[in-house]
mmCIF file of all heavy atoms, coordinates in Angstrom:
data_MODEL
# 
_entry.id   MODEL 
# 
loop_
_atom_site.group_PDB 
_atom_site.id 
_atom_site.type_symbol 
_atom_site.label_atom_id 
_atom_site.label_alt_id 
_atom_site.label_comp_id 
_atom_site.label_asym_id 
_atom_site.label_entity_id 
_atom_site.label_seq_id 
_atom_site.pdbx_PDB_ins_code 
_atom_site.Cartn_x 
_atom_site.Cartn_y 
_atom_site.Cartn_z 
_atom_site.occupancy 
_atom_site.B_iso_or_equiv 
_atom_site.pdbx_formal_charge 
_atom_site.auth_seq_id 
_atom_site.auth_comp_id 
_atom_site.auth_asym_id 
_atom_site.auth_atom_id 
_atom_site.pdbx_PDB_model_num 
ATOM 1   N N   . GLY A 1 1  ? 73.140 115.253 100.960 1.00 0.00 ? 1  GLY A N   1 
ATOM 2   C CA  . GLY A 1 1  ? 73.287 114.091 100.085 1.00 0.00 ? 1  GLY A CA  1 
ATOM 3   C C   . GLY A 1 1  ? 74.430 114.201 99.113  1.00 0.00 ? 1  GLY A C   1 
ATOM 4   O O   . GLY A 1 1  ? 74.648 113.298 98.290  1.00 0.00 ? 1  GLY A O   1 
ATOM 5   N N   . THR A 1 2  ? 75.200 115.263 99.186  1.00 0.00 ? 2  THR A N   1 
ATOM 6   C CA  . THR A 1 2  ? 76.368 115.444 98.322  1.00 0.00 ? 2  THR A CA  1 
ATOM 7   C C   . THR A 1 2  ? 77.224 116.565 98.888  1.00 0.00 ? 2  THR A C   1 
ATOM 8   O O   . THR A 1 2  ? 76.739 117.404 99.658  1.00 0.00 ? 2  THR A O   1 
ATOM 9   C CB  . THR A 1 2  ? 75.945 115.789 96.877  1.00 0.00 ? 2  THR A CB  1 
ATOM 10  O OG1 . THR A 1 2  ? 77.109 115.882 96.061  1.00 0.00 ? 2  THR A OG1 1 
ATOM 11  C CG2 . THR A 1 2  ? 75.205 117.106 96.831  1.00 0.00 ? 2  THR A CG2 1 
ATOM 12  N N   . VAL A 1 3  ? 78.496 116.578 98.519  1.00 0.00 ? 3  VAL A N   1 
ATOM 13  C CA  . VAL A 1 3  ? 79.403 117.630 98.970  1.00 0.00 ? 3  VAL A CA  1 
ATOM 14  C C   . VAL A 1 3  ? 80.564 117.728 97.987  1.00 0.00 ? 3  VAL A C   1 
ATOM 15  O O   . VAL A 1 3  ? 80.976 116.730 97.393  1.00 0.00 ? 3  VAL A O   1 
ATOM 16  C CB  . VAL A 1 3  ? 79.927 117.339 100.402 1.00 0.00 ? 3  VAL A CB  1 
ATOM 17  C CG1 . VAL A 1 3  ? 80.798 116.093 100.422 1.00 0.00 ? 3  VAL A CG1 1 
ATOM 18  C CG2 . VAL A 1 3  ? 80.699 118.537 100.956 1.00 0.00 ? 3  VAL A CG2 1 
ATOM 19  N N   . ASN A 1 4  ? 81.043 118.934 97.786  1.00 0.00 ? 4  ASN A N   1 
ATOM 20  C CA  . ASN A 1 4  ? 82.232 119.165 96.967  1.00 0.00 ? 4  ASN A CA  1 
ATOM 21  C C   . ASN A 1 4  ? 83.443 119.295 97.873  1.00 0.00 ? 4  ASN A C   1 
ATOM 22  O O   . ASN A 1 4  ? 83.423 120.060 98.843  1.00 0.00 ? 4  ASN A O   1 
ATOM 23  C CB  . ASN A 1 4  ? 82.086 120.441 96.138  1.00 0.00 ? 4  ASN A CB  1 
ATOM 24  C CG  . ASN A 1 4  ? 81.208 120.241 94.911  1.00 0.00 ? 4  ASN A CG  1 
ATOM 25  O OD1 . ASN A 1 4  ? 81.300 119.214 94.254  1.00 0.00 ? 4  ASN A OD1 1 
ATOM 26  N ND2 . ASN A 1 4  ? 80.359 121.218 94.617  1.00 0.00 ? 4  ASN A ND2 1 
ATOM 27  N N   . VAL A 1 5  ? 84.478 118.552 97.574  1.00 0.00 ? 5  VAL A N   1 
ATOM 28  C CA  . VAL A 1 5  ? 85.700 118.580 98.367  1.00 0.00 ? 5  VAL A CA  1 
ATOM 29  C C   . VAL A 1 5  ? 86.877 118.776 97.425  1.00 0.00 ? 5  VAL A C   1 
ATOM 30  O O   . VAL A 1 5  ? 86.935 118.162 96.362  1.00 0.00 ? 5  VAL A O   1 
ATOM 31  C CB  . VAL A 1 5  ? 85.886 117.269 99.169  1.00 0.00 ? 5  VAL A CB  1 
ATOM 32  C CG1 . VAL A 1 5  ? 87.199 117.281 99.927  1.00 0.00 ? 5  VAL A CG1 1 
ATOM 33  C CG2 . VAL A 1 5  ? 84.730 117.088 100.149 1.00 0.00 ? 5  VAL A CG2 1 
ATOM 34  N N   . ASN A 1 6  ? 87.802 119.650 97.820  1.00 0.00 ? 6  ASN A N   1 
ATOM 35  C CA  . ASN A 1 6  ? 88.980 119.879 96.996  1.00 0.00 ? 6  ASN A CA  1 
ATOM 36  C C   . ASN A 1 6  ? 89.851 118.622 96.945  1.00 0.00 ? 6  ASN A C   1 
ATOM 37  O O   . ASN A 1 6  ? 90.059 117.956 97.955  1.00 0.00 ? 6  ASN A O   1 
ATOM 38  C CB  . ASN A 1 6  ? 89.802 121.050 97.549  1.00 0.00 ? 6  ASN A CB  1 
ATOM 39  C CG  . ASN A 1 6  ? 89.070 122.374 97.403  1.00 0.00 ? 6  ASN A CG  1 
ATOM 40  O OD1 . ASN A 1 6  ? 88.300 122.565 96.455  1.00 0.00 ? 6  ASN A OD1 1 
ATOM 41  N ND2 . ASN A 1 6  ? 89.308 123.297 98.319  1.00 0.00 ? 6  ASN A ND2 1 
ATOM 42  N N   . GLY A 1 7  ? 90.342 118.332 95.783  1.00 0.00 ? 7  GLY A N   1 
ATOM 43  C CA  . GLY A 1 7  ? 91.196 117.156 95.616  1.00 0.00 ? 7  GLY A CA  1 
ATOM 44  C C   . GLY A 1 7  ? 90.953 116.510 94.271  1.00 0.00 ? 7  GLY A C   1 
ATOM 45  O O   . GLY A 1 7  ? 89.929 116.738 93.623  1.00 0.00 ? 7  GLY A O   1 
ATOM 46  N N   . LYS A 1 8  ? 91.912 115.691 93.845  1.00 0.00 ? 8  LYS A N   1 
ATOM 47  C CA  . LYS A 1 8  ? 91.787 114.980 92.574  1.00 0.00 ? 8  LYS A CA  1 
ATOM 48  C C   . LYS A 1 8  ? 91.349 113.548 92.855  1.00 0.00 ? 8  LYS A C   1 
ATOM 49  O O   . LYS A 1 8  ? 92.024 112.812 93.575  1.00 0.00 ? 8  LYS A O   1 
ATOM 50  C CB  . LYS A 1 8  ? 93.118 114.977 91.818  1.00 0.00 ? 8  LYS A CB  1 
ATOM 51  C CG  . LYS A 1 8  ? 93.030 114.338 90.433  1.00 0.00 ? 8  LYS A CG  1 
ATOM 52  C CD  . LYS A 1 8  ? 94.369 114.322 89.735  1.00 0.00 ? 8  LYS A CD  1 
ATOM 53  C CE  . LYS A 1 8  ? 94.247 113.749 88.323  1.00 0.00 ? 8  LYS A CE  1 
ATOM 54  N NZ  . LYS A 1 8  ? 93.612 112.437 88.256  1.00 0.00 ? 8  LYS A NZ  1 
ATOM 55  N N   . PHE A 1 9  ? 90.206 113.177 92.321  1.00 0.00 ? 9  PHE A N   1 
ATOM 56  C CA  . PHE A 1 9  ? 89.660 111.846 92.532  1.00 0.00 ? 9  PHE A CA  1 
ATOM 57  C C   . PHE A 1 9  ? 89.408 111.171 91.187  1.00 0.00 ? 9  PHE A C   1 
ATOM 58  O O   . PHE A 1 9  ? 89.204 111.821 90.164  1.00 0.00 ? 9  PHE A O   1 
ATOM 59  C CB  . PHE A 1 9  ? 88.344 111.905 93.314  1.00 0.00 ? 9  PHE A CB  1 
ATOM 60  C CG  . PHE A 1 9  ? 88.447 112.615 94.631  1.00 0.00 ? 9  PHE A CG  1 
ATOM 61  C CD1 . PHE A 1 9  ? 87.901 113.880 94.809  1.00 0.00 ? 9  PHE A CD1 1 
ATOM 62  C CD2 . PHE A 1 9  ? 89.089 112.012 95.702  1.00 0.00 ? 9  PHE A CD2 1 
ATOM 63  C CE1 . PHE A 1 9  ? 87.994 114.529 96.017  1.00 0.00 ? 9  PHE A CE1 1 
ATOM 64  C CE2 . PHE A 1 9  ? 89.190 112.663 96.919  1.00 0.00 ? 9  PHE A CE2 1 
ATOM 65  C CZ  . PHE A 1 9  ? 88.643 113.919 97.075  1.00 0.00 ? 9  PHE A CZ  1 
ATOM 66  N N   . TYR A 1 10 ? 89.402 109.840 91.237  1.00 0.00 ? 10 TYR A N   1 
ATOM 67  C CA  . TYR A 1 10 ? 89.009 109.070 90.074  1.00 0.00 ? 10 TYR A CA  1 
ATOM 68  C C   . TYR A 1 10 ? 87.499 108.825 90.123  1.00 0.00 ? 10 TYR A C   1 
ATOM 69  O O   . TYR A 1 10 ? 86.897 108.823 91.201  1.00 0.00 ? 10 TYR A O   1 
ATOM 70  C CB  . TYR A 1 10 ? 89.743 107.731 90.041  1.00 0.00 ? 10 TYR A CB  1 
ATOM 71  C CG  . TYR A 1 10 ? 91.217 107.849 89.772  1.00 0.00 ? 10 TYR A CG  1 
ATOM 72  C CD1 . TYR A 1 10 ? 92.150 107.692 90.791  1.00 0.00 ? 10 TYR A CD1 1 
ATOM 73  C CD2 . TYR A 1 10 ? 91.687 108.110 88.483  1.00 0.00 ? 10 TYR A CD2 1 
ATOM 74  C CE1 . TYR A 1 10 ? 93.512 107.802 90.540  1.00 0.00 ? 10 TYR A CE1 1 
ATOM 75  C CE2 . TYR A 1 10 ? 93.039 108.213 88.219  1.00 0.00 ? 10 TYR A CE2 1 
ATOM 76  C CZ  . TYR A 1 10 ? 93.953 108.060 89.249  1.00 0.00 ? 10 TYR A CZ  1 
ATOM 77  O OH  . TYR A 1 10 ? 95.290 108.174 88.996  1.00 0.00 ? 10 TYR A OH  1 
ATOM 78  N N   . PRO A 1 11 ? 86.858 108.605 88.976  1.00 0.00 ? 11 PRO A N   1 
ATOM 79  C CA  . PRO A 1 11 ? 85.419 108.302 88.983  1.00 0.00 ? 11 PRO A CA  1 
ATOM 80  C C   . PRO A 1 11 ? 85.120 107.066 89.827  1.00 0.00 ? 11 PRO A C   1 
ATOM 81  O O   . PRO A 1 11 ? 85.844 106.065 89.763  1.00 0.00 ? 11 PRO A O   1 
ATOM 82  C CB  . PRO A 1 11 ? 85.109 108.053 87.497  1.00 0.00 ? 11 PRO A CB  1 
ATOM 83  C CG  . PRO A 1 11 ? 86.174 108.777 86.752  1.00 0.00 ? 11 PRO A CG  1 
ATOM 84  C CD  . PRO A 1 11 ? 87.392 108.682 87.597  1.00 0.00 ? 11 PRO A CD  1 
ATOM 85  N N   . ASN A 1 12 ? 84.083 107.161 90.630  1.00 0.00 ? 12 ASN A N   1 
ATOM 86  C CA  . ASN A 1 12 ? 83.611 106.058 91.476  1.00 0.00 ? 12 ASN A CA  1 
ATOM 87  C C   . ASN A 1 12 ? 84.642 105.613 92.517  1.00 0.00 ? 12 ASN A C   1 
ATOM 88  O O   . ASN A 1 12 ? 84.578 104.488 93.026  1.00 0.00 ? 12 ASN A O   1 
ATOM 89  C CB  . ASN A 1 12 ? 83.195 104.850 90.612  1.00 0.00 ? 12 ASN A CB  1 
ATOM 90  C CG  . ASN A 1 12 ? 82.137 105.216 89.598  1.00 0.00 ? 12 ASN A CG  1 
ATOM 91  O OD1 . ASN A 1 12 ? 81.133 105.828 89.928  1.00 0.00 ? 12 ASN A OD1 1 
ATOM 92  N ND2 . ASN A 1 12 ? 82.351 104.846 88.347  1.00 0.00 ? 12 ASN A ND2 1 
ATOM 93  N N   . GLN A 1 13 ? 85.576 106.487 92.844  1.00 0.00 ? 13 GLN A N   1 
ATOM 94  C CA  . GLN A 1 13 ? 86.559 106.155 93.869  1.00 0.00 ? 13 GLN A CA  1 
ATOM 95  C C   . GLN A 1 13 ? 85.905 106.184 95.245  1.00 0.00 ? 13 GLN A C   1 
ATOM 96  O O   . GLN A 1 13 ? 85.026 107.003 95.526  1.00 0.00 ? 13 GLN A O   1 
ATOM 97  C CB  . GLN A 1 13 ? 87.723 107.140 93.834  1.00 0.00 ? 13 GLN A CB  1 
ATOM 98  C CG  . GLN A 1 13 ? 88.888 106.757 94.731  1.00 0.00 ? 13 GLN A CG  1 
ATOM 99  C CD  . GLN A 1 13 ? 90.109 107.636 94.510  1.00 0.00 ? 13 GLN A CD  1 
ATOM 100 O OE1 . GLN A 1 13 ? 90.017 108.712 93.912  1.00 0.00 ? 13 GLN A OE1 1 
ATOM 101 N NE2 . GLN A 1 13 ? 91.259 107.187 94.975  1.00 0.00 ? 13 GLN A NE2 1 
ATOM 102 N N   . ALA A 1 14 ? 86.310 105.264 96.108  1.00 0.00 ? 14 ALA A N   1 
ATOM 103 C CA  . ALA A 1 14 ? 85.784 105.205 97.473  1.00 0.00 ? 14 ALA A CA  1 
ATOM 104 C C   . ALA A 1 14 ? 86.616 106.127 98.360  1.00 0.00 ? 14 ALA A C   1 
ATOM 105 O O   . ALA A 1 14 ? 87.845 106.015 98.397  1.00 0.00 ? 14 ALA A O   1 
ATOM 106 C CB  . ALA A 1 14 ? 85.842 103.779 97.994  1.00 0.00 ? 14 ALA A CB  1 
ATOM 107 N N   . VAL A 1 15 ? 85.942 107.008 99.067  1.00 0.00 ? 15 VAL A N   1 
ATOM 108 C CA  . VAL A 1 15 ? 86.625 108.035 99.851  1.00 0.00 ? 15 VAL A CA  1 
ATOM 109 C C   . VAL A 1 15 ? 86.180 107.966 101.308 1.00 0.00 ? 15 VAL A C   1 
ATOM 110 O O   . VAL A 1 15 ? 84.980 107.895 101.595 1.00 0.00 ? 15 VAL A O   1 
ATOM 111 C CB  . VAL A 1 15 ? 86.341 109.447 99.288  1.00 0.00 ? 15 VAL A CB  1 
ATOM 112 C CG1 . VAL A 1 15 ? 87.094 110.508 100.088 1.00 0.00 ? 15 VAL A CG1 1 
ATOM 113 C CG2 . VAL A 1 15 ? 86.725 109.526 97.816  1.00 0.00 ? 15 VAL A CG2 1 
ATOM 114 N N   . THR A 1 16 ? 87.139 107.985 102.217 1.00 0.00 ? 16 THR A N   1 
ATOM 115 C CA  . THR A 1 16 ? 86.850 108.087 103.644 1.00 0.00 ? 16 THR A CA  1 
ATOM 116 C C   . THR A 1 16 ? 87.128 109.514 104.090 1.00 0.00 ? 16 THR A C   1 
ATOM 117 O O   . THR A 1 16 ? 88.270 109.990 103.996 1.00 0.00 ? 16 THR A O   1 
ATOM 118 C CB  . THR A 1 16 ? 87.711 107.108 104.467 1.00 0.00 ? 16 THR A CB  1 
ATOM 119 O OG1 . THR A 1 16 ? 87.475 105.774 104.010 1.00 0.00 ? 16 THR A OG1 1 
ATOM 120 C CG2 . THR A 1 16 ? 87.367 107.204 105.943 1.00 0.00 ? 16 THR A CG2 1 
ATOM 121 N N   . LEU A 1 17 ? 86.097 110.207 104.532 1.00 0.00 ? 17 LEU A N   1 
ATOM 122 C CA  . LEU A 1 17 ? 86.254 111.570 105.041 1.00 0.00 ? 17 LEU A CA  1 
ATOM 123 C C   . LEU A 1 17 ? 86.585 111.507 106.525 1.00 0.00 ? 17 LEU A C   1 
ATOM 124 O O   . LEU A 1 17 ? 85.836 110.911 107.309 1.00 0.00 ? 17 LEU A O   1 
ATOM 125 C CB  . LEU A 1 17 ? 84.970 112.376 104.820 1.00 0.00 ? 17 LEU A CB  1 
ATOM 126 C CG  . LEU A 1 17 ? 84.413 112.407 103.385 1.00 0.00 ? 17 LEU A CG  1 
ATOM 127 C CD1 . LEU A 1 17 ? 83.136 113.228 103.338 1.00 0.00 ? 17 LEU A CD1 1 
ATOM 128 C CD2 . LEU A 1 17 ? 85.438 112.975 102.432 1.00 0.00 ? 17 LEU A CD2 1 
ATOM 129 N N   . VAL A 1 18 ? 87.686 112.104 106.916 1.00 0.00 ? 18 VAL A N   1 
ATOM 130 C CA  . VAL A 1 18 ? 88.133 112.095 108.305 1.00 0.00 ? 18 VAL A CA  1 
ATOM 131 C C   . VAL A 1 18 ? 88.076 113.514 108.854 1.00 0.00 ? 18 VAL A C   1 
ATOM 132 O O   . VAL A 1 18 ? 88.660 114.436 108.277 1.00 0.00 ? 18 VAL A O   1 
ATOM 133 C CB  . VAL A 1 18 ? 89.565 111.536 108.421 1.00 0.00 ? 18 VAL A CB  1 
ATOM 134 C CG1 . VAL A 1 18 ? 90.000 111.504 109.887 1.00 0.00 ? 18 VAL A CG1 1 
ATOM 135 C CG2 . VAL A 1 18 ? 89.650 110.143 107.807 1.00 0.00 ? 18 VAL A CG2 1 
ATOM 136 N N   . ASP A 1 19 ? 87.348 113.682 109.957 1.00 0.00 ? 19 ASP A N   1 
ATOM 137 C CA  . ASP A 1 19 ? 87.220 114.983 110.606 1.00 0.00 ? 19 ASP A CA  1 
ATOM 138 C C   . ASP A 1 19 ? 88.590 115.458 111.065 1.00 0.00 ? 19 ASP A C   1 
ATOM 139 O O   . ASP A 1 19 ? 89.276 114.788 111.836 1.00 0.00 ? 19 ASP A O   1 
ATOM 140 C CB  . ASP A 1 19 ? 86.266 114.865 111.802 1.00 0.00 ? 19 ASP A CB  1 
ATOM 141 C CG  . ASP A 1 19 ? 85.872 116.218 112.378 1.00 0.00 ? 19 ASP A CG  1 
ATOM 142 O OD1 . ASP A 1 19 ? 86.663 117.183 112.238 1.00 0.00 ? 19 ASP A OD1 1 
ATOM 143 O OD2 . ASP A 1 19 ? 84.791 116.315 112.981 1.00 0.00 ? 19 ASP A OD2 1 
ATOM 144 N N   . ILE A 1 20 ? 89.000 116.624 110.591 1.00 0.00 ? 20 ILE A N   1 
ATOM 145 C CA  . ILE A 1 20 ? 90.320 117.140 110.919 1.00 0.00 ? 20 ILE A CA  1 
ATOM 146 C C   . ILE A 1 20 ? 90.446 117.488 112.400 1.00 0.00 ? 20 ILE A C   1 
ATOM 147 O O   . ILE A 1 20 ? 91.548 117.485 112.963 1.00 0.00 ? 20 ILE A O   1 
ATOM 148 C CB  . ILE A 1 20 ? 90.645 118.377 110.037 1.00 0.00 ? 20 ILE A CB  1 
ATOM 149 C CG1 . ILE A 1 20 ? 92.140 118.708 110.101 1.00 0.00 ? 20 ILE A CG1 1 
ATOM 150 C CG2 . ILE A 1 20 ? 89.783 119.565 110.438 1.00 0.00 ? 20 ILE A CG2 1 
ATOM 151 C CD1 . ILE A 1 20 ? 92.567 119.758 109.097 1.00 0.00 ? 20 ILE A CD1 1 
ATOM 152 N N   . LEU A 1 21 ? 89.311 117.777 113.061 1.00 0.00 ? 21 LEU A N   1 
ATOM 153 C CA  . LEU A 1 21 ? 89.329 118.107 114.489 1.00 0.00 ? 21 LEU A CA  1 
ATOM 154 C C   . LEU A 1 21 ? 89.129 116.887 115.373 1.00 0.00 ? 21 LEU A C   1 
ATOM 155 O O   . LEU A 1 21 ? 89.591 116.859 116.517 1.00 0.00 ? 21 LEU A O   1 
ATOM 156 C CB  . LEU A 1 21 ? 88.237 119.147 114.791 1.00 0.00 ? 21 LEU A CB  1 
ATOM 157 C CG  . LEU A 1 21 ? 88.333 120.468 114.016 1.00 0.00 ? 21 LEU A CG  1 
ATOM 158 C CD1 . LEU A 1 21 ? 87.159 121.374 114.386 1.00 0.00 ? 21 LEU A CD1 1 
ATOM 159 C CD2 . LEU A 1 21 ? 89.666 121.150 114.301 1.00 0.00 ? 21 LEU A CD2 1 
ATOM 160 N N   . ASN A 1 22 ? 88.446 115.882 114.839 1.00 0.00 ? 22 ASN A N   1 
ATOM 161 C CA  . ASN A 1 22 ? 88.160 114.671 115.597 1.00 0.00 ? 22 ASN A CA  1 
ATOM 162 C C   . ASN A 1 22 ? 88.333 113.466 114.675 1.00 0.00 ? 22 ASN A C   1 
ATOM 163 O O   . ASN A 1 22 ? 87.395 113.042 114.004 1.00 0.00 ? 22 ASN A O   1 
ATOM 164 C CB  . ASN A 1 22 ? 86.728 114.718 116.153 1.00 0.00 ? 22 ASN A CB  1 
ATOM 165 C CG  . ASN A 1 22 ? 86.377 113.449 116.923 1.00 0.00 ? 22 ASN A CG  1 
ATOM 166 O OD1 . ASN A 1 22 ? 87.260 112.670 117.308 1.00 0.00 ? 22 ASN A OD1 1 
ATOM 167 N ND2 . ASN A 1 22 ? 85.082 113.224 117.127 1.00 0.00 ? 22 ASN A ND2 1 
ATOM 168 N N   . PRO A 1 23 ? 89.560 112.893 114.604 1.00 0.00 ? 23 PRO A N   1 
ATOM 169 C CA  . PRO A 1 23 ? 89.834 111.797 113.661 1.00 0.00 ? 23 PRO A CA  1 
ATOM 170 C C   . PRO A 1 23 ? 88.926 110.595 113.837 1.00 0.00 ? 23 PRO A C   1 
ATOM 171 O O   . PRO A 1 23 ? 88.806 109.773 112.920 1.00 0.00 ? 23 PRO A O   1 
ATOM 172 C CB  . PRO A 1 23 ? 91.291 111.430 113.974 1.00 0.00 ? 23 PRO A CB  1 
ATOM 173 C CG  . PRO A 1 23 ? 91.877 112.666 114.576 1.00 0.00 ? 23 PRO A CG  1 
ATOM 174 C CD  . PRO A 1 23 ? 90.760 113.288 115.356 1.00 0.00 ? 23 PRO A CD  1 
ATOM 175 N N   . GLY A 1 24 ? 88.261 110.464 114.986 1.00 0.00 ? 24 GLY A N   1 
ATOM 176 C CA  . GLY A 1 24 ? 87.340 109.357 115.183 1.00 0.00 ? 24 GLY A CA  1 
ATOM 177 C C   . GLY A 1 24 ? 86.016 109.553 114.471 1.00 0.00 ? 24 GLY A C   1 
ATOM 178 O O   . GLY A 1 24 ? 85.220 108.617 114.356 1.00 0.00 ? 24 GLY A O   1 
ATOM 179 N N   . HIS A 1 25 ? 85.779 110.765 114.002 1.00 0.00 ? 25 HIS A N   1 
ATOM 180 C CA  . HIS A 1 25 ? 84.544 111.097 113.290 1.00 0.00 ? 25 HIS A CA  1 
ATOM 181 C C   . HIS A 1 25 ? 84.807 110.964 111.791 1.00 0.00 ? 25 HIS A C   1 
ATOM 182 O O   . HIS A 1 25 ? 85.542 111.765 111.206 1.00 0.00 ? 25 HIS A O   1 
ATOM 183 C CB  . HIS A 1 25 ? 84.110 112.524 113.635 1.00 0.00 ? 25 HIS A CB  1 
ATOM 184 C CG  . HIS A 1 25 ? 82.809 112.922 113.012 1.00 0.00 ? 25 HIS A CG  1 
ATOM 185 N ND1 . HIS A 1 25 ? 82.508 114.229 112.686 1.00 0.00 ? 25 HIS A ND1 1 
ATOM 186 C CD2 . HIS A 1 25 ? 81.731 112.176 112.644 1.00 0.00 ? 25 HIS A CD2 1 
ATOM 187 C CE1 . HIS A 1 25 ? 81.303 114.269 112.143 1.00 0.00 ? 25 HIS A CE1 1 
ATOM 188 N NE2 . HIS A 1 25 ? 80.812 113.033 112.120 1.00 0.00 ? 25 HIS A NE2 1 
ATOM 189 N N   . THR A 1 26 ? 84.234 109.952 111.151 1.00 0.00 ? 26 THR A N   1 
ATOM 190 C CA  . THR A 1 26 ? 84.485 109.702 109.734 1.00 0.00 ? 26 THR A CA  1 
ATOM 191 C C   . THR A 1 26 ? 83.179 109.484 108.983 1.00 0.00 ? 26 THR A C   1 
ATOM 192 O O   . THR A 1 26 ? 82.124 109.275 109.592 1.00 0.00 ? 26 THR A O   1 
ATOM 193 C CB  . THR A 1 26 ? 85.384 108.456 109.534 1.00 0.00 ? 26 THR A CB  1 
ATOM 194 O OG1 . THR A 1 26 ? 84.703 107.299 110.049 1.00 0.00 ? 26 THR A OG1 1 
ATOM 195 C CG2 . THR A 1 26 ? 86.724 108.625 110.245 1.00 0.00 ? 26 THR A CG2 1 
# 
């Protein structure tokens, strides 16, 4: 239900996670 990811984000920013091995997996 949560994950920490390296990067600078703004509060409540919408993020699309893209699988680095399979770009179709988001």
